[in-house]
PDB file of N, CA and C in Angstrom:
ATOM      1  N   MET A   1     -53.491 105.457 132.334  1.00  0.00           N
ATOM      2  CA  MET A   1     -53.099 106.038 130.952  1.00  0.00           C
ATOM      3  C   MET A   1     -54.578 105.765 129.856  1.00  0.00           C
ATOM      4  N   ARG A   2     -55.065 106.392 129.213  1.00  0.00           N
ATOM      5  CA  ARG A   2     -55.682 105.536 128.415  1.00  0.00           C
ATOM      6  C   ARG A   2     -55.858 106.208 126.770  1.00  0.00           C
ATOM      7  N   VAL A   3     -55.056 105.420 125.871  1.00  0.00           N
ATOM      8  CA  VAL A   3     -54.954 105.786 124.643  1.00  0.00           C
ATOM      9  C   VAL A   3     -56.159 105.233 123.483  1.00  0.00           C
ATOM     10  N   THR A   4     -56.574 106.114 122.537  1.00  0.00           N
ATOM     11  CA  THR A   4     -57.148 106.116 121.774  1.00  0.00           C
ATOM     12  C   THR A   4     -57.160 106.104 120.360  1.00  0.00           C
ATOM     13  N   LEU A   5     -57.240 105.323 119.458  1.00  0.00           N
ATOM     14  CA  LEU A   5     -56.570 105.728 118.001  1.00  0.00           C
ATOM     15  C   LEU A   5     -58.228 105.256 117.089  1.00  0.00           C
ATOM     16  N   LYS A   6     -58.320 106.436 116.214  1.00  0.00           N
ATOM     17  CA  LYS A   6     -59.620 106.275 115.557  1.00  0.00           C
ATOM     18  C   LYS A   6     -58.701 106.347 113.864  1.00  0.00           C
ATOM     19  N   THR A   7     -59.570 105.984 112.971  1.00  0.00           N
ATOM     20  CA  THR A   7     -58.896 105.597 111.815  1.00  0.00           C
ATOM     21  C   THR A   7     -60.032 106.255 111.051  1.00  0.00           C
ATOM     22  N   ASP A   8     -59.867 106.882 109.856  1.00  0.00           N
ATOM     23  CA  ASP A   8     -60.930 107.328 109.240  1.00  0.00           C
ATOM     24  C   ASP A   8     -60.507 107.542 107.872  1.00  0.00           C
ATOM     25  N   GLY A   9     -61.414 107.246 106.887  1.00  0.00           N
ATOM     26  CA  GLY A   9     -61.162 107.561 105.417  1.00  0.00           C
ATOM     27  C   GLY A   9     -60.185 106.552 104.519  1.00  0.00           C
ATOM     28  N   GLY A  10     -59.717 106.636 103.328  1.00  0.00           N
ATOM     29  CA  GLY A  10     -59.536 105.344 102.972  1.00  0.00           C
ATOM     30  C   GLY A  10     -60.252 105.077 102.107  1.00  0.00           C
ATOM     31  N   MET A  11     -60.089 104.162 100.711  1.00  0.00           N
ATOM     32  CA  MET A  11     -60.949 103.957  99.517  1.00  0.00           C
ATOM     33  C   MET A  11     -60.891 102.291  99.439  1.00  0.00           C
ATOM     34  N   PRO A  12     -62.182 101.679  99.519  1.00  0.00           N
ATOM     35  CA  PRO A  12     -62.930 102.163 100.382  1.00  0.00           C
ATOM     36  C   PRO A  12     -62.691 101.645 102.063  1.00  0.00           C
ATOM     37  N   PRO A  13     -63.453 102.855 102.735  1.00  0.00           N
ATOM     38  CA  PRO A  13     -63.467 103.041 104.378  1.00  0.00           C
ATOM     39  C   PRO A  13     -63.952 101.077 105.026  1.00  0.00           C
ATOM     40  N   ALA A  14     -63.184 100.507 105.302  1.00  0.00           N
ATOM     41  CA  ALA A  14     -63.771  99.103 106.136  1.00  0.00           C
ATOM     42  C   ALA A  14     -64.608  99.678 107.693  1.00  0.00           C
ATOM     43  N   PRO A  15     -65.569  98.733 107.813  1.00  0.00           N
ATOM     44  CA  PRO A  15     -66.168  99.364 109.045  1.00  0.00           C
ATOM     45  C   PRO A  15     -65.183  99.002 110.242  1.00  0.00           C
ATOM     46  N   ASP A  16     -64.550  97.917 109.966  1.00  0.00           N
ATOM     47  CA  ASP A  16     -63.463  97.476 111.334  1.00  0.00           C
ATOM     48  C   ASP A  16     -62.324  98.216 111.226  1.00  0.00           C
ATOM     49  N   VAL A  17     -62.073  98.765 110.173  1.00  0.00           N
ATOM     50  CA  VAL A  17     -60.828 100.148 110.273  1.00  0.00           C
ATOM     51  C   VAL A  17     -61.541 101.351 110.684  1.00  0.00           C
ATOM     52  N   LEU A  18     -62.740 101.675 110.604  1.00  0.00           N
ATOM     53  CA  LEU A  18     -63.249 103.252 110.984  1.00  0.00           C
ATOM     54  C   LEU A  18     -63.649 102.908 112.655  1.00  0.00           C
ATOM     55  N   ALA A  19     -63.629 101.913 113.162  1.00  0.00           N
ATOM     56  CA  ALA A  19     -63.705 101.463 114.619  1.00  0.00           C
ATOM     57  C   ALA A  19     -62.726 102.274 115.198  1.00  0.00           C
ATOM     58  N   SER A  20     -62.965 102.677 116.673  1.00  0.00           N
ATOM     59  CA  SER A  20     -61.954 103.212 117.572  1.00  0.00           C
ATOM     60  C   SER A  20     -61.194 101.864 118.440  1.00  0.00           C
ATOM     61  N   ILE A  21     -60.017 102.101 118.316  1.00  0.00           N
ATOM     62  CA  ILE A  21     -59.421 101.153 119.465  1.00  0.00           C
ATOM     63  C   ILE A  21     -59.046 102.104 120.730  1.00  0.00           C
ATOM     64  N   ALA A  22     -59.313 101.062 122.034  1.00  0.00           N
ATOM     65  CA  ALA A  22     -58.765 101.663 122.972  1.00  0.00           C
ATOM     66  C   ALA A  22     -57.975 101.157 124.152  1.00  0.00           C
ATOM     67  N   LEU A  23     -56.829 101.235 124.678  1.00  0.00           N
ATOM     68  CA  LEU A  23     -56.011 100.768 125.332  1.00  0.00           C
ATOM     69  C   LEU A  23     -56.230 101.604 126.956  1.00  0.00           C
ATOM     70  N   ASP A  24     -56.297 100.844 127.953  1.00  0.00           N
ATOM     71  CA  ASP A  24     -56.401 101.327 129.138  1.00  0.00           C
ATOM     72  C   ASP A  24     -55.641 100.551 130.059  1.00  0.00           C
ATOM     73  N   THR A  25     -54.486 101.194 130.560  1.00  0.00           N
ATOM     74  CA  THR A  25     -53.196 100.718 131.612  1.00  0.00           C
ATOM     75  C   THR A  25     -54.063 100.119 132.836  1.00  0.00           C
ATOM     76  N   GLU A  26     -54.819 100.626 133.113  1.00  0.00           N
ATOM     77  CA  GLU A  26     -55.511  99.613 134.323  1.00  0.00           C
ATOM     78  C   GLU A  26     -56.180  98.511 133.977  1.00  0.00           C
ATOM     79  N   ARG A  27     -56.512  98.456 132.661  1.00  0.00           N
ATOM     80  CA  ARG A  27     -57.144  96.970 132.228  1.00  0.00           C
ATOM     81  C   ARG A  27     -56.348  96.180 131.668  1.00  0.00           C
ATOM     82  N   ILE A  28     -54.998  95.885 131.244  1.00  0.00           N
ATOM     83  CA  ILE A  28     -54.243  95.398 130.380  1.00  0.00           C
ATOM     84  C   ILE A  28     -53.251  95.053 131.304  1.00  0.00           C
ATOM     85  N   ALA A  29     -52.763  94.057 130.839  1.00  0.00           N
ATOM     86  CA  ALA A  29     -51.672  93.135 131.350  1.00  0.00           C
ATOM     87  C   ALA A  29     -50.723  94.109 132.030  1.00  0.00           C
ATOM     88  N   PRO A  30     -50.223  94.089 133.277  1.00  0.00           N
ATOM     89  CA  PRO A  30     -48.703  95.157 133.842  1.00  0.00           C
ATOM     90  C   PRO A  30     -47.785  95.335 132.401  1.00  0.00           C
ATOM     91  N   HIS A  31     -47.157  93.855 131.502  1.00  0.00           N
ATOM     92  CA  HIS A  31     -46.420  94.126 130.822  1.00  0.00           C
ATOM     93  C   HIS A  31     -46.642  94.943 129.715  1.00  0.00           C
ATOM     94  N   LEU A  32     -47.892  94.839 129.091  1.00  0.00           N
ATOM     95  CA  LEU A  32     -48.378  95.652 128.423  1.00  0.00           C
ATOM     96  C   LEU A  32     -48.711  97.016 128.666  1.00  0.00           C
ATOM     97  N   SER A  33     -48.880  97.142 129.911  1.00  0.00           N
ATOM     98  CA  SER A  33     -49.056  98.637 130.197  1.00  0.00           C
ATOM     99  C   SER A  33     -47.376  99.712 130.532  1.00  0.00           C
ATOM    100  N   VAL A  34     -46.656  98.733 130.734  1.00  0.00           N
ATOM    101  CA  VAL A  34     -45.431  99.291 130.765  1.00  0.00           C
ATOM    102  C   VAL A  34     -45.118  99.910 129.137  1.00  0.00           C
ATOM    103  N   ARG A  35     -45.260  98.798 128.482  1.00  0.00           N
ATOM    104  CA  ARG A  35     -44.662  98.959 127.006  1.00  0.00           C
ATOM    105  C   ARG A  35     -45.449 100.064 126.619  1.00  0.00           C
ATOM    106  N   LEU A  36     -46.659  99.971 126.659  1.00  0.00           N
ATOM    107  CA  LEU A  36     -47.655 101.167 126.039  1.00  0.00           C
ATOM    108  C   LEU A  36     -46.961 102.810 126.317  1.00  0.00           C
ATOM    109  N   GLN A  37     -46.661 102.941 127.662  1.00  0.00           N
ATOM    110  CA  GLN A  37     -46.314 104.121 128.322  1.00  0.00           C
ATOM    111  C   GLN A  37     -44.892 104.178 127.619  1.00  0.00           C
ATOM    112  N   GLU A  38     -43.900 103.098 127.697  1.00  0.00           N
ATOM    113  CA  GLU A  38     -42.673 103.145 126.735  1.00  0.00           C
ATOM    114  C   GLU A  38     -42.891 104.245 125.925  1.00  0.00           C
ATOM    115  N   LEU A  39     -43.832 103.676 124.896  1.00  0.00           N
ATOM    116  CA  LEU A  39     -43.975 104.294 123.657  1.00  0.00           C
ATOM    117  C   LEU A  39     -44.263 105.217 123.650  1.00  0.00           C
ATOM    118  N   VAL A  40     -45.479 105.822 124.448  1.00  0.00           N
ATOM    119  CA  VAL A  40     -46.136 106.628 124.549  1.00  0.00           C
ATOM    120  C   VAL A  40     -44.914 107.942 124.750  1.00  0.00           C
ATOM    121  N   ARG A  41     -44.026 107.371 125.339  1.00  0.00           N
ATOM    122  CA  ARG A  41     -42.765 108.532 125.828  1.00  0.00           C
ATOM    123  C   ARG A  41     -41.702 108.736 124.924  1.00  0.00           C
ATOM    124  N   ALA A  42     -41.734 107.416 124.871  1.00  0.00           N
ATOM    125  CA  ALA A  42     -40.375 107.500 123.004  1.00  0.00           C
ATOM    126  C   ALA A  42     -41.005 108.095 121.969  1.00  0.00           C
ATOM    127  N   ALA A  43     -42.434 108.659 122.317  1.00  0.00           N
ATOM    128  CA  ALA A  43     -42.583 109.441 120.607  1.00  0.00           C
ATOM    129  C   ALA A  43     -42.847 110.414 121.183  1.00  0.00           C
ATOM    130  N   ALA A  44     -42.145 111.070 122.734  1.00  0.00           N
ATOM    131  CA  ALA A  44     -42.788 112.473 122.864  1.00  0.00           C
ATOM    132  C   ALA A  44     -44.186 113.007 122.621  1.00  0.00           C
ATOM    133  N   PHE A  45     -45.037 112.133 122.896  1.00  0.00           N
ATOM    134  CA  PHE A  45     -46.515 112.258 122.287  1.00  0.00           C
ATOM    135  C   PHE A  45     -46.755 113.760 122.564  1.00  0.00           C
ATOM    136  N   PHE A  46     -46.801 114.195 123.985  1.00  0.00           N
ATOM    137  CA  PHE A  46     -47.346 115.071 124.536  1.00  0.00           C
ATOM    138  C   PHE A  46     -46.677 116.635 124.222  1.00  0.00           C
ATOM    139  N   HIS A  47     -45.418 116.503 123.485  1.00  0.00           N
ATOM    140  CA  HIS A  47     -44.926 117.418 122.910  1.00  0.00           C
ATOM    141  C   HIS A  47     -45.017 117.361 121.721  1.00  0.00           C
ATOM    142  N   LEU A  48     -45.794 116.914 120.689  1.00  0.00           N
ATOM    143  CA  LEU A  48     -46.410 116.437 119.460  1.00  0.00           C
ATOM    144  C   LEU A  48     -47.187 117.749 118.968  1.00  0.00           C
ATOM    145  N   PRO A  49     -47.035 118.348 117.893  1.00  0.00           N
ATOM    146  CA  PRO A  49     -48.335 119.231 117.390  1.00  0.00           C
ATOM    147  C   PRO A  49     -49.184 118.529 117.200  1.00  0.00           C
ATOM    148  N   GLY A  50     -50.601 119.042 117.273  1.00  0.00           N
ATOM    149  CA  GLY A  50     -51.866 118.679 117.340  1.00  0.00           C
ATOM    150  C   GLY A  50     -52.366 117.758 115.700  1.00  0.00           C
ATOM    151  N   VAL A  51     -51.692 118.432 114.731  1.00  0.00           N
ATOM    152  CA  VAL A  51     -51.701 118.188 113.577  1.00  0.00           C
ATOM    153  C   VAL A  51     -50.484 117.828 112.853  1.00  0.00           C
ATOM    154  N   LEU A  52     -50.531 116.470 112.395  1.00  0.00           N
ATOM    155  CA  LEU A  52     -49.105 116.309 111.620  1.00  0.00           C
ATOM    156  C   LEU A  52     -49.131 115.773 109.913  1.00  0.00           C
ATOM    157  N   GLY A  53     -48.122 116.446 109.230  1.00  0.00           N
ATOM    158  CA  GLY A  53     -48.629 116.002 107.753  1.00  0.00           C
ATOM    159  C   GLY A  53     -49.435 116.456 107.206  1.00  0.00           C
ATOM    160  N   ARG A  54     -49.812 117.708 106.545  1.00  0.00           N
ATOM    161  CA  ARG A  54     -51.265 117.853 106.075  1.00  0.00           C
ATOM    162  C   ARG A  54     -50.954 117.402 104.962  1.00  0.00           C
ATOM    163  N   ARG A  55     -52.265 117.067 104.309  1.00  0.00           N
ATOM    164  CA  ARG A  55     -52.013 116.539 102.356  1.00  0.00           C
ATOM    165  C   ARG A  55     -52.235 117.696 102.001  1.00  0.00           C
ATOM    166  N   LYS A  56     -51.530 117.994 100.759  1.00  0.00           N
ATOM    167  CA  LYS A  56     -51.491 118.850  99.501  1.00  0.00           C
ATOM    168  C   LYS A  56     -52.372 118.905  98.737  1.00  0.00           C
ATOM    169  N   LYS A  57     -53.400 119.796  98.599  1.00  0.00           N
ATOM    170  CA  LYS A  57     -54.417 119.455  97.906  1.00  0.00           C
ATOM    171  C   LYS A  57     -54.292 119.512  96.159  1.00  0.00           C
ATOM    172  N   ARG A  58     -54.634 118.078  95.930  1.00  0.00           N
ATOM    173  CA  ARG A  58     -54.423 117.757  94.344  1.00  0.00           C
ATOM    174  C   ARG A  58     -55.344 117.258  93.946  1.00  0.00           C
ATOM    175  N   ALA A  59     -55.735 117.839  92.483  1.00  0.00           N
ATOM    176  CA  ALA A  59     -56.861 116.976  91.843  1.00  0.00           C
ATOM    177  C   ALA A  59     -56.394 115.479  91.582  1.00  0.00           C
ATOM    178  N   ARG A  60     -57.780 114.574  91.881  1.00  0.00           N
ATOM    179  CA  ARG A  60     -57.910 113.233  91.620  1.00  0.00           C
ATOM    180  C   ARG A  60     -56.794 112.106  92.339  1.00  0.00           C
ATOM    181  N   THR A  61     -56.794 112.931  93.508  1.00  0.00           N
ATOM    182  CA  THR A  61     -55.865 112.002  94.660  1.00  0.00           C
ATOM    183  C   THR A  61     -56.733 110.938  95.569  1.00  0.00           C
ATOM    184  N   LEU A  62     -56.233 110.108  95.651  1.00  0.00           N
ATOM    185  CA  LEU A  62     -57.293 109.134  96.372  1.00  0.00           C
ATOM    186  C   LEU A  62     -57.446 109.471  97.709  1.00  0.00           C
ATOM    187  N   PRO A  63     -58.567 109.365  98.148  1.00  0.00           N
ATOM    188  CA  PRO A  63     -58.412 109.548  99.594  1.00  0.00           C
ATOM    189  C   PRO A  63     -57.577 108.610 100.465  1.00  0.00           C
ATOM    190  N   SER A  64     -57.041 109.749 101.115  1.00  0.00           N
ATOM    191  CA  SER A  64     -55.815 108.569 102.024  1.00  0.00           C
ATOM    192  C   SER A  64     -56.664 108.268 103.784  1.00  0.00           C
ATOM    193  N   ARG A  65     -56.324 107.498 104.412  1.00  0.00           N
ATOM    194  CA  ARG A  65     -56.127 107.459 105.790  1.00  0.00           C
ATOM    195  C   ARG A  65     -56.200 108.390 106.742  1.00  0.00           C
ATOM    196  N   THR A  66     -56.370 108.828 107.880  1.00  0.00           N
ATOM    197  CA  THR A  66     -56.128 109.674 108.664  1.00  0.00           C
ATOM    198  C   THR A  66     -56.267 109.297 110.279  1.00  0.00           C
ATOM    199  N   HIS A  67     -54.856 109.038 111.242  1.00  0.00           N
ATOM    200  CA  HIS A  67     -55.114 108.196 111.909  1.00  0.00           C
ATOM    201  C   HIS A  67     -55.244 109.614 113.257  1.00  0.00           C
ATOM    202  N   THR A  68     -55.998 109.333 114.370  1.00  0.00           N
ATOM    203  CA  THR A  68     -56.255 110.482 115.416  1.00  0.00           C
ATOM    204  C   THR A  68     -56.502 109.608 116.657  1.00  0.00           C
ATOM    205  N   ILE A  69     -55.169 110.051 117.332  1.00  0.00           N
ATOM    206  CA  ILE A  69     -54.766 109.480 118.394  1.00  0.00           C
ATOM    207  C   ILE A  69     -54.655 110.426 120.039  1.00  0.00           C
ATOM    208  N   THR A  70     -55.338 110.009 120.887  1.00  0.00           N
ATOM    209  CA  THR A  70     -55.891 110.654 121.714  1.00  0.00           C
ATOM    210  C   THR A  70     -54.970 109.908 123.256  1.00  0.00           C
ATOM    211  N   VAL A  71     -54.182 110.530 124.075  1.00  0.00           N
ATOM    212  CA  VAL A  71     -53.852 109.904 125.280  1.00  0.00           C
ATOM    213  C   VAL A  71     -54.153 110.994 126.258  1.00  0.00           C
ATOM    214  N   GLU A  72     -54.613 109.802 126.892  1.00  0.00           N
ATOM    215  CA  GLU A  72     -55.277 110.891 128.172  1.00  0.00           C
ATOM    216  C   GLU A  72     -54.308 110.293 129.505  1.00  0.00           C
ATOM    217  N   LYS A  73     -54.080 111.219 130.474  1.00  0.00           N
ATOM    218  CA  LYS A  73     -53.050 110.475 131.518  1.00  0.00           C
ATOM    219  C   LYS A  73     -52.935 111.993 132.386  1.00  0.00           C
ATOM    220  N   ASP A  74     -53.395 111.363 133.697  1.00  0.00           N
ATOM    221  CA  ASP A  74     -53.179 112.177 134.956  1.00  0.00           C
ATOM    222  C   ASP A  74     -54.508 113.785 134.741  1.00  0.00           C
ATOM    223  N   GLY A  75     -55.204 113.482 134.378  1.00  0.00           N
ATOM    224  CA  GLY A  75     -56.097 114.542 134.041  1.00  0.00           C
ATOM    225  C   GLY A  75     -55.908 115.274 132.835  1.00  0.00           C
ATOM    226  N   HIS A  76     -54.651 115.133 131.939  1.00  0.00           N
ATOM    227  CA  HIS A  76     -54.379 115.964 130.895  1.00  0.00           C
ATOM    228  C   HIS A  76     -54.901 114.735 129.519  1.00  0.00           C
ATOM    229  N   ALA A  77     -54.946 115.615 128.419  1.00  0.00           N
ATOM    230  CA  ALA A  77     -55.341 114.915 127.182  1.00  0.00           C
ATOM    231  C   ALA A  77     -54.795 115.659 126.204  1.00  0.00           C
ATOM    232  N   HIS A  78     -54.305 114.682 125.112  1.00  0.00           N
ATOM    233  CA  HIS A  78     -53.577 115.268 123.851  1.00  0.00           C
ATOM    234  C   HIS A  78     -53.975 114.419 122.738  1.00  0.00           C
ATOM    235  N   GLN A  79     -53.999 115.090 121.684  1.00  0.00           N
ATOM    236  CA  GLN A  79     -54.651 114.439 120.771  1.00  0.00           C
ATOM    237  C   GLN A  79     -53.937 115.175 119.443  1.00  0.00           C
ATOM    238  N   VAL A  80     -52.988 113.774 118.423  1.00  0.00           N
ATOM    239  CA  VAL A  80     -52.485 113.958 117.167  1.00  0.00           C
ATOM    240  C   VAL A  80     -53.252 113.360 116.032  1.00  0.00           C
ATOM    241  N   VAL A  81     -53.309 114.071 115.100  1.00  0.00           N
ATOM    242  CA  VAL A  81     -53.933 113.635 113.974  1.00  0.00           C
ATOM    243  C   VAL A  81     -52.951 113.477 112.764  1.00  0.00           C
ATOM    244  N   THR A  82     -52.988 113.050 112.379  1.00  0.00           N
ATOM    245  CA  THR A  82     -51.852 112.566 110.923  1.00  0.00           C
ATOM    246  C   THR A  82     -51.884 111.370 109.842  1.00  0.00           C
ATOM    247  N   MET A  83     -51.645 111.886 109.113  1.00  0.00           N
ATOM    248  CA  MET A  83     -52.530 110.987 107.739  1.00  0.00           C
ATOM    249  C   MET A  83     -51.712 109.469 107.570  1.00  0.00           C
ATOM    250  N   GLU A  84     -51.877 108.502 107.380  1.00  0.00           N
ATOM    251  CA  GLU A  84     -51.207 107.060 107.587  1.00  0.00           C
ATOM    252  C   GLU A  84     -49.896 106.623 106.617  1.00  0.00           C
ATOM    253  N   THR A  85     -49.707 107.600 105.700  1.00  0.00           N
ATOM    254  CA  THR A  85     -48.734 108.007 104.696  1.00  0.00           C
ATOM    255  C   THR A  85     -47.212 108.634 105.007  1.00  0.00           C
ATOM    256  N   LYS A  86     -47.957 109.560 106.432  1.00  0.00           N
ATOM    257  CA  LYS A  86     -47.082 110.078 106.979  1.00  0.00           C
ATOM    258  C   LYS A  86     -46.548 110.062 108.522  1.00  0.00           C
ATOM    259  N   VAL A  87     -47.168 108.651 108.960  1.00  0.00           N
ATOM    260  CA  VAL A  87     -46.965 109.075 110.401  1.00  0.00           C
ATOM    261  C   VAL A  87     -45.735 108.588 111.035  1.00  0.00           C
ATOM    262  N   PRO A  88     -45.048 109.575 111.638  1.00  0.00           N
ATOM    263  CA  PRO A  88     -43.496 109.415 112.201  1.00  0.00           C
ATOM    264  C   PRO A  88     -43.010 107.912 112.501  1.00  0.00           C
ATOM    265  N   THR A  89     -41.472 107.907 112.876  1.00  0.00           N
ATOM    266  CA  THR A  89     -41.484 106.358 113.177  1.00  0.00           C
ATOM    267  C   THR A  89     -41.869 106.125 114.565  1.00  0.00           C
ATOM    268  N   ALA A  90     -41.767 107.180 115.524  1.00  0.00           N
ATOM    269  CA  ALA A  90     -42.088 106.536 116.751  1.00  0.00           C
ATOM    270  C   ALA A  90     -43.375 106.576 116.937  1.00  0.00           C
ATOM    271  N   LEU A  91     -44.124 107.171 115.943  1.00  0.00           N
ATOM    272  CA  LEU A  91     -45.876 106.931 116.423  1.00  0.00           C
ATOM    273  C   LEU A  91     -46.286 106.009 115.706  1.00  0.00           C
ATOM    274  N   GLN A  92     -45.229 105.409 114.412  1.00  0.00           N
ATOM    275  CA  GLN A  92     -45.713 103.686 113.802  1.00  0.00           C
ATOM    276  C   GLN A  92     -45.795 103.091 115.074  1.00  0.00           C
ATOM    277  N   ALA A  93     -44.879 102.625 115.680  1.00  0.00           N
ATOM    278  CA  ALA A  93     -44.978 101.767 116.831  1.00  0.00           C
ATOM    279  C   ALA A  93     -46.038 101.869 117.759  1.00  0.00           C
ATOM    280  N   LEU A  94     -46.435 103.334 118.125  1.00  0.00           N
ATOM    281  CA  LEU A  94     -47.342 103.198 118.849  1.00  0.00           C
ATOM    282  C   LEU A  94     -48.677 102.851 118.485  1.00  0.00           C
ATOM    283  N   VAL A  95     -48.758 103.119 117.180  1.00  0.00           N
ATOM    284  CA  VAL A  95     -50.169 102.675 116.335  1.00  0.00           C
ATOM    285  C   VAL A  95     -50.050 101.344 116.081  1.00  0.00           C
ATOM    286  N   ALA A  96     -49.137 100.775 115.703  1.00  0.00           N
ATOM    287  CA  ALA A  96     -48.839  99.318 115.809  1.00  0.00           C
ATOM    288  C   ALA A  96     -49.322  98.582 116.670  1.00  0.00           C
ATOM    289  N   PHE A  97     -49.154  98.892 118.266  1.00  0.00           N
ATOM    290  CA  PHE A  97     -49.320  98.415 119.213  1.00  0.00           C
ATOM    291  C   PHE A  97     -50.699  98.497 119.848  1.00  0.00           C
ATOM    292  N   ILE A  98     -51.081  99.794 119.568  1.00  0.00           N
ATOM    293  CA  ILE A  98     -52.506  99.871 119.863  1.00  0.00           C
ATOM    294  C   ILE A  98     -53.102  98.889 118.598  1.00  0.00           C
ATOM    295  N   GLU A  99     -53.114  98.662 117.861  1.00  0.00           N
ATOM    296  CA  GLU A  99     -53.726  97.549 116.855  1.00  0.00           C
ATOM    297  C   GLU A  99     -53.848  96.482 117.162  1.00  0.00           C
ATOM    298  N   ALA A 100     -52.533  96.457 117.624  1.00  0.00           N
ATOM    299  CA  ALA A 100     -52.564  95.010 117.908  1.00  0.00           C
ATOM    300  C   ALA A 100     -53.069  94.208 119.490  1.00  0.00           C
ATOM    301  N   HIS A 101     -52.919  95.489 120.560  1.00  0.00           N
ATOM    302  CA  HIS A 101     -53.701  95.085 122.080  1.00  0.00           C
ATOM    303  C   HIS A 101     -54.785  95.938 122.330  1.00  0.00           C
ATOM    304  N   GLY A 102     -55.545  96.629 121.551  1.00  0.00           N
ATOM    305  CA  GLY A 102     -56.483  97.809 121.746  1.00  0.00           C
ATOM    306  C   GLY A 102     -57.836  96.745 121.690  1.00  0.00           C
ATOM    307  N   THR A 103     -59.242  97.326 122.145  1.00  0.00           N
ATOM    308  CA  THR A 103     -60.188  96.876 121.950  1.00  0.00           C
ATOM    309  C   THR A 103     -61.179  97.565 121.470  1.00  0.00           C
ATOM    310  N   ARG A 104     -61.364  97.236 120.029  1.00  0.00           N
ATOM    311  CA  ARG A 104     -61.990  97.381 119.386  1.00  0.00           C
ATOM    312  C   ARG A 104     -63.770  98.207 119.891  1.00  0.00           C
ATOM    313  N   GLY A 105     -63.862  99.459 119.289  1.00  0.00           N
ATOM    314  CA  GLY A 105     -65.333  99.440 119.855  1.00  0.00           C
ATOM    315  C   GLY A 105     -66.233 100.599 119.429  1.00  0.00           C
TER     316      GLY A 105
END
């Protein structure tokens, strides 16, 4: 399984924030691989819609960050886009894990 996190936007967008972060279960320690799979399962990731928490259009709002999470497993890929301020609890744990253990690139 390969998981990628891409963060866009914000004010000002920092280059390290805009870099994508990836994790591949075949290239990380076995205990991290198991934990990553548990987090994907706990988030019911493959059952989530492609877009969560659309931003309401208002004048003079600061740009918010958007997370794009892609999970590739067994030849299938699913992508979820969510605003940083509206990340569901189950996805927050997955995002934090990817940020802590992933490779920026």
